[in-house]
């Protein structure tokens, strides 16, 4: 039975290449074209798994120019895969416009299960994981405190992504907004060789992180209001 034209969102490893699923590899091998946030990053992944499918860029700086091209390929009957640099497309990564446009034009969209840093971070945080809210990255400059202050009364565990350049700034701002004794778990380099988790009060974790070299990507899980 022929498969209808569609977009397949393919999660890619956030660190350890062994996290790539058989289903994801097969999808990338069998589709007509792969669109990628960064063709260099995804190209290394394709080379590792000996995937020869043609690849083309599709990212936040060119997605509005390329969306018509994607629709033309779908209208011609092609099956397309999309990969962001790491993790699941659309989760603090490009992908939303692609999904929305495909749905609006009555094309199927499929998202394969796979890597996403927020899930293991929440699960190992020691904080309640039955209910949580995902905030992703805060604005780099203006609006950070306003976003945090809007969460003062949130009772669920709150999940943030942060870069190594701003992780201490984020913990300082959390200390100011939520108080020094609110509990937090900070995970870095999930699934990689130097995966590390810092748990305790905001002050304890900030002090601990400040005393070490700050490298890698961070997931911050903040306890909700008691």
Protein backbone atom coordinates (compact mmCIF):
# COMPACT_ATOMS: atom_id res chain seq x y z
CA UNK A 1 0.00 0.00 0.00
CA UNK A 2 1.56 3.36 -1.04
CA UNK A 3 2.44 5.78 1.76
CA UNK A 4 1.00 9.28 1.41
CA UNK A 5 3.36 12.27 1.17
CA UNK A 6 4.26 13.51 4.60
CA UNK A 7 6.69 15.26 6.90
CA UNK A 8 8.46 12.98 9.37
CA UNK A 9 10.07 14.71 12.36
CA UNK A 10 13.11 12.65 13.34
CA UNK A 11 14.65 13.11 16.81
CA UNK A 12 18.43 12.86 16.84
CA UNK A 13 20.78 12.09 19.75
CA UNK A 14 21.47 14.86 22.25
CA UNK A 15 24.90 13.36 22.92
CA UNK A 16 25.34 9.61 22.73
CA UNK A 17 24.91 8.35 19.15
CA UNK A 18 23.65 5.02 20.49
CA UNK A 19 20.41 6.82 21.36
CA UNK A 20 19.49 6.90 17.66
CA UNK A 21 16.59 4.49 17.08
CA UNK A 22 16.36 1.87 14.33
CA UNK A 23 13.12 3.48 13.22
CA UNK A 24 14.76 6.89 12.89
CA UNK A 25 17.62 5.47 10.84
CA UNK A 26 15.19 3.64 8.54
CA UNK A 27 13.11 6.79 8.08
CA UNK A 28 16.17 8.81 7.08
CA UNK A 29 17.34 6.10 4.69
CA UNK A 30 14.00 5.60 2.97
CA UNK A 31 12.67 9.16 2.64
CA UNK A 32 13.09 11.23 -0.53
CA UNK A 33 14.87 14.16 1.09
CA UNK A 34 16.12 15.26 4.50
CA UNK A 35 15.76 18.84 5.67
CA UNK A 36 18.05 19.83 8.52
CA UNK A 37 18.57 22.76 10.87
CA UNK A 38 22.32 22.50 10.14
CA UNK A 39 23.43 20.30 7.26
CA UNK A 40 26.94 20.02 8.72
CA UNK A 41 25.70 18.65 12.05
CA UNK A 42 23.15 16.31 10.49
CA UNK A 43 25.65 15.39 7.77
CA UNK A 44 27.99 13.91 10.39
CA UNK A 45 25.10 11.84 11.75
CA UNK A 46 24.19 10.60 8.28
CA UNK A 47 27.81 9.68 7.59
CA UNK A 48 28.03 7.75 10.86
CA UNK A 49 24.99 5.64 9.96
CA UNK A 50 25.87 5.41 6.24
CA UNK A 51 22.75 7.29 5.12
CA UNK A 52 22.97 8.59 1.53
CA UNK A 53 19.66 10.49 1.29
CA UNK A 54 19.97 14.04 -0.17
CA UNK A 55 20.04 16.75 2.49
CA UNK A 56 19.04 20.43 2.41
CA UNK A 57 18.99 23.20 5.02
CA UNK A 58 15.82 24.44 6.71
CA UNK A 59 16.33 26.68 9.72
CA UNK A 60 15.00 29.81 11.42
CA UNK A 61 16.82 32.13 9.03
CA UNK A 62 15.50 30.61 5.80
CA UNK A 63 12.33 28.70 6.71
CA UNK A 64 9.95 31.37 5.39
CA UNK A 65 11.76 31.43 2.05
CA UNK A 66 11.89 27.63 1.77
CA UNK A 67 8.42 26.64 2.95
CA UNK A 68 6.93 26.89 -0.57
CA UNK A 69 9.70 24.63 -1.87
CA UNK A 70 8.82 22.06 0.82
CA UNK A 71 5.13 22.23 -0.14
CA UNK A 72 6.02 21.68 -3.80
CA UNK A 73 7.91 18.52 -2.87
CA UNK A 74 4.99 17.26 -0.80
CA UNK A 75 2.56 18.03 -3.63
CA UNK A 76 4.76 15.95 -5.95
CA UNK A 77 4.26 12.97 -3.60
CA UNK A 78 7.55 12.99 -1.71
CA UNK A 79 8.17 11.85 1.85
CA UNK A 80 10.39 14.32 3.71
CA UNK A 81 12.26 14.05 7.00
CA UNK A 82 13.26 16.93 9.21
CA UNK A 83 16.05 16.93 11.83
CA UNK A 84 17.13 19.65 14.20
CA UNK A 85 20.70 19.66 15.51
CA UNK A 86 19.89 17.48 18.54
CA UNK A 87 16.75 16.18 20.21
CA UNK A 88 13.20 16.44 18.93
CA UNK A 89 12.39 19.14 16.32
CA UNK A 90 10.02 21.80 17.59
CA UNK A 91 11.15 21.55 21.23
CA UNK A 92 13.19 24.78 21.53
CA UNK A 93 14.29 24.03 17.96
CA UNK A 94 12.92 24.91 14.51
CA UNK A 95 10.02 22.81 13.24
CA UNK A 96 6.84 24.63 14.24
CA UNK A 97 6.37 26.47 10.93
CA UNK A 98 6.99 23.27 8.99
CA UNK A 99 4.39 21.34 10.98
CA UNK A 100 1.79 24.11 10.92
CA UNK A 101 2.11 24.66 7.17
CA UNK A 102 1.91 20.94 6.37
CA UNK A 103 -1.25 20.56 8.47
CA UNK A 104 -2.85 23.65 6.94
CA UNK A 105 -2.26 22.13 3.50
CA UNK A 106 -3.68 18.71 4.51
CA UNK A 107 -0.42 16.79 4.48
CA UNK A 108 0.32 14.16 7.12
CA UNK A 109 2.83 14.93 9.87
CA UNK A 110 4.51 12.19 11.86
CA UNK A 111 6.84 12.62 14.83
CA UNK A 112 9.00 9.67 15.80
CA UNK A 113 9.68 9.08 19.51
CA UNK A 114 13.22 9.77 20.58
CA UNK A 115 15.67 11.97 22.42
CA UNK A 116 14.61 15.13 24.26
CA UNK A 117 16.75 16.48 27.09
CA UNK A 118 13.86 17.68 29.25
CA UNK A 119 12.40 14.21 29.99
CA UNK A 120 15.48 12.54 31.54
CA UNK A 121 16.25 15.77 33.41
CA UNK A 122 12.79 15.85 35.01
CA UNK A 123 12.82 12.15 35.83
CA UNK A 124 16.20 12.24 37.63
CA UNK A 125 15.62 15.62 39.31
CA UNK A 126 14.03 14.16 42.42
CA UNK A 127 11.25 16.73 42.00
CA UNK A 128 7.61 15.80 41.24
CA UNK A 129 7.48 14.60 37.64
CA UNK A 130 3.81 13.65 37.36
CA UNK A 131 2.98 17.27 36.46
CA UNK A 132 5.44 19.81 35.07
CA UNK A 133 5.51 22.88 32.85
CA UNK A 134 8.10 23.45 30.14
CA UNK A 135 9.42 27.01 29.70
CA UNK A 136 12.40 26.33 27.42
CA UNK A 137 14.92 29.14 26.96
CA UNK A 138 14.25 32.50 28.59
CA UNK A 139 14.94 35.67 26.54
CA UNK A 140 18.66 36.40 26.46
CA UNK A 141 18.31 39.96 27.75
CA UNK A 142 15.04 41.87 28.09
CA UNK A 143 12.06 40.09 29.61
CA UNK A 144 13.88 37.41 31.61
CA UNK A 145 12.79 38.63 35.04
CA UNK A 146 9.24 39.24 33.85
CA UNK A 147 8.99 35.64 32.63
CA UNK A 148 10.30 34.33 35.95
CA UNK A 149 8.03 36.57 38.02
CA UNK A 150 5.02 35.25 36.10
CA UNK A 151 5.85 31.78 37.51
CA UNK A 152 5.98 32.72 41.21
CA UNK A 153 2.69 30.96 42.01
CA UNK A 154 3.25 27.96 39.70
CA UNK A 155 2.86 24.75 41.74
CA UNK A 156 4.18 22.32 39.12
CA UNK A 157 7.84 21.56 38.51
CA UNK A 158 9.17 24.11 35.98
CA UNK A 159 11.69 23.13 33.31
CA UNK A 160 14.09 25.54 31.59
CA UNK A 161 16.90 25.17 29.05
CA UNK A 162 19.97 27.35 29.46
CA UNK A 163 23.37 27.85 27.85
CA UNK A 164 26.69 27.69 29.75
CA UNK A 165 27.08 31.45 29.24
CA UNK A 166 23.91 32.28 31.19
CA UNK A 167 23.41 29.41 33.66
CA UNK A 168 24.84 31.34 36.64
CA UNK A 169 22.82 34.41 35.65
CA UNK A 170 19.67 32.27 35.57
CA UNK A 171 20.33 30.82 39.03
CA UNK A 172 21.02 34.31 40.43
CA UNK A 173 17.74 35.55 38.99
CA UNK A 174 15.87 32.51 40.35
CA UNK A 175 17.38 33.17 43.75
CA UNK A 176 16.05 36.72 43.61
CA UNK A 177 12.56 35.78 42.39
CA UNK A 178 11.89 32.46 44.18
CA UNK A 179 14.14 32.79 47.22
CA UNK A 180 17.40 31.00 48.07
CA UNK A 181 15.75 27.94 49.63
CA UNK A 182 13.61 26.81 46.68
CA UNK A 183 14.86 23.43 45.47
CA UNK A 184 16.30 22.98 42.01
CA UNK A 185 18.00 20.31 39.93
CA UNK A 186 20.45 21.29 37.19
CA UNK A 187 21.51 18.67 34.65
CA UNK A 188 24.29 19.15 32.11
CA UNK A 189 25.58 17.10 29.19
CA UNK A 190 22.71 14.59 29.38
CA UNK A 191 23.65 11.24 27.77
CA UNK A 192 27.25 12.38 27.26
CA UNK A 193 30.44 11.20 28.97
CA UNK A 194 30.44 14.01 31.54
CA UNK A 195 26.73 13.98 32.39
CA UNK A 196 26.33 15.67 35.77
CA UNK A 197 23.38 16.56 38.03
CA UNK A 198 23.41 19.24 40.73
CA UNK A 199 20.59 19.08 43.26
CA UNK A 200 19.75 21.19 46.31
CA UNK A 201 18.55 24.69 47.10
CA UNK A 202 19.07 27.36 44.46
CA UNK A 203 21.91 28.86 46.51
CA UNK A 204 23.62 25.49 47.03
CA UNK A 205 23.44 24.59 43.35
CA UNK A 206 24.58 28.02 42.17
CA UNK A 207 27.58 27.91 44.52
CA UNK A 208 28.47 24.41 43.36
CA UNK A 209 28.27 25.27 39.66
CA UNK A 210 30.23 28.51 40.09
CA UNK A 211 33.13 26.56 41.59
CA UNK A 212 33.59 24.36 38.51
CA UNK A 213 34.34 24.89 34.81
CA UNK A 214 31.03 25.80 33.15
CA UNK A 215 30.64 23.87 29.92
CA UNK A 216 27.84 22.06 28.12
CA UNK A 217 24.11 22.57 27.74
CA UNK A 218 21.94 22.75 30.86
CA UNK A 219 18.42 21.69 31.82
CA UNK A 220 17.10 23.34 34.98
CA UNK A 221 14.18 21.81 36.91
CA UNK A 222 12.77 24.16 39.54
CA UNK A 223 10.44 22.98 42.30
CA UNK A 224 6.97 24.47 42.16
CA UNK A 225 5.50 26.61 44.91
CA UNK A 226 4.68 24.57 48.01
